[in-house]
């Protein structure tokens, strides 16, 4: 599976990329902000976007709307440490496929990826 990774924290990006590599997936691009996310989505056409909710400049929710304008069908996994039911409902209403809560275990991550396959 081709993955676009949108996360401003370098350590989190490294960790997720390593897990994806270990599970046989390919990170085709990494972005630290929404502008990069939109650019790379259009350029690389990934199967899945991992999108952090808290990004510099614009929130992940705003970036999600931009991504949907570029590719309404791309699968999106939101990465967040925030646990709020209202936010979760809003994200589901916007068509995300899953929420990956930080911190997460390898088993949680593996289960998530199996669900996307």
Protein backbone atom coordinates (compact mmCIF):
# COMPACT_ATOMS: atom_id res chain seq x y z
CA UNK A 1 0.00 0.00 0.00
CA UNK A 2 1.31 3.49 -0.85
CA UNK A 3 1.13 5.90 2.09
CA UNK A 4 1.42 9.67 2.51
CA UNK A 5 2.53 10.53 6.03
CA UNK A 6 1.51 13.98 7.33
CA UNK A 7 3.01 14.59 10.77
CA UNK A 8 5.03 17.54 12.07
CA UNK A 9 6.88 15.55 14.75
CA UNK A 10 10.00 13.96 13.22
CA UNK A 11 10.17 11.13 15.77
CA UNK A 12 6.53 10.16 15.22
CA UNK A 13 7.05 10.27 11.44
CA UNK A 14 10.13 8.06 11.77
CA UNK A 15 8.30 5.57 13.99
CA UNK A 16 5.24 5.27 11.73
CA UNK A 17 7.43 5.01 8.62
CA UNK A 18 9.46 2.21 10.25
CA UNK A 19 6.28 0.34 11.18
CA UNK A 20 4.86 0.72 7.68
CA UNK A 21 8.13 -0.50 6.15
CA UNK A 22 8.14 -3.49 8.52
CA UNK A 23 4.60 -4.38 7.43
CA UNK A 24 5.49 -4.15 3.73
CA UNK A 25 3.96 -0.78 2.90
CA UNK A 26 5.65 2.10 1.08
CA UNK A 27 5.76 5.68 2.35
CA UNK A 28 5.74 7.62 -0.93
CA UNK A 29 6.02 11.06 0.72
CA UNK A 30 6.21 12.79 4.08
CA UNK A 31 4.81 16.24 4.87
CA UNK A 32 5.09 18.40 7.97
CA UNK A 33 2.13 20.64 7.18
CA UNK A 34 -1.09 20.94 5.21
CA UNK A 35 0.40 22.56 2.14
CA UNK A 36 2.82 19.68 1.72
CA UNK A 37 0.04 17.18 2.31
CA UNK A 38 -2.11 18.59 -0.51
CA UNK A 39 0.86 18.85 -2.88
CA UNK A 40 2.02 15.29 -2.24
CA UNK A 41 -1.48 13.83 -2.45
CA UNK A 42 -1.87 15.27 -5.94
CA UNK A 43 1.65 14.26 -6.96
CA UNK A 44 1.97 10.72 -5.54
CA UNK A 45 -1.68 9.56 -5.38
CA UNK A 46 -1.27 7.37 -2.28
CA UNK A 47 -3.75 4.72 -1.20
CA UNK A 48 -3.82 6.03 2.38
CA UNK A 49 -2.99 9.29 4.12
CA UNK A 50 -1.90 9.29 7.77
CA UNK A 51 -2.87 12.77 8.97
CA UNK A 52 -1.94 14.35 12.28
CA UNK A 53 -4.67 16.55 13.77
CA UNK A 54 -2.33 19.17 15.19
CA UNK A 55 -0.21 20.70 12.46
CA UNK A 56 1.51 24.06 12.08
CA UNK A 57 -0.59 26.70 10.35
CA UNK A 58 -3.80 24.78 9.78
CA UNK A 59 -5.49 22.04 11.75
CA UNK A 60 -5.70 18.50 10.47
CA UNK A 61 -9.48 18.93 10.16
CA UNK A 62 -8.96 21.85 7.75
CA UNK A 63 -6.30 19.90 5.87
CA UNK A 64 -8.68 16.94 5.62
CA UNK A 65 -11.13 19.15 3.73
CA UNK A 66 -8.34 20.21 1.34
CA UNK A 67 -7.36 16.58 0.79
CA UNK A 68 -10.99 15.67 0.03
CA UNK A 69 -11.07 18.42 -2.62
CA UNK A 70 -8.05 16.84 -4.34
CA UNK A 71 -9.15 13.19 -3.97
CA UNK A 72 -12.55 12.57 -2.38
CA UNK A 73 -11.95 8.81 -2.20
CA UNK A 74 -8.51 8.66 -0.56
CA UNK A 75 -8.54 6.74 2.71
CA UNK A 76 -7.48 8.86 5.68
CA UNK A 77 -6.23 7.72 9.08
CA UNK A 78 -6.14 10.51 11.64
CA UNK A 79 -3.25 10.46 14.11
CA UNK A 80 -4.00 12.15 17.41
CA UNK A 81 -3.47 12.16 21.15
CA UNK A 82 -6.76 14.02 21.58
CA UNK A 83 -9.67 11.94 22.88
CA UNK A 84 -12.90 13.85 22.40
CA UNK A 85 -16.09 12.19 21.25
CA UNK A 86 -17.29 15.35 19.49
CA UNK A 87 -14.07 15.58 17.47
CA UNK A 88 -14.25 11.85 16.66
CA UNK A 89 -17.85 12.17 15.40
CA UNK A 90 -16.90 15.17 13.30
CA UNK A 91 -14.01 13.27 11.73
CA UNK A 92 -16.14 10.22 10.99
CA UNK A 93 -18.75 12.50 9.40
CA UNK A 94 -15.97 13.85 7.18
CA UNK A 95 -15.21 10.33 5.97
CA UNK A 96 -12.06 9.27 7.76
CA UNK A 97 -11.37 5.54 7.87
CA UNK A 98 -9.74 5.25 11.28
CA UNK A 99 -8.23 7.10 14.22
CA UNK A 100 -4.78 6.11 15.49
CA UNK A 101 -4.38 7.31 19.07
CA UNK A 102 -0.96 8.29 20.37
CA UNK A 103 0.69 6.53 22.05
CA UNK A 104 -0.04 3.31 20.19
CA UNK A 105 1.41 -0.19 20.26
CA UNK A 106 2.78 -2.23 17.38
CA UNK A 107 -0.20 -4.58 17.71
CA UNK A 108 -2.66 -1.66 17.49
CA UNK A 109 -0.86 -0.43 14.39
CA UNK A 110 -0.78 -3.88 12.78
CA UNK A 111 -4.51 -4.34 13.43
CA UNK A 112 -5.23 -0.93 11.91
CA UNK A 113 -3.27 -1.75 8.76
CA UNK A 114 -5.02 -5.11 8.35
CA UNK A 115 -8.34 -3.24 8.48
CA UNK A 116 -7.21 -0.96 5.65
CA UNK A 117 -6.02 -3.77 3.38
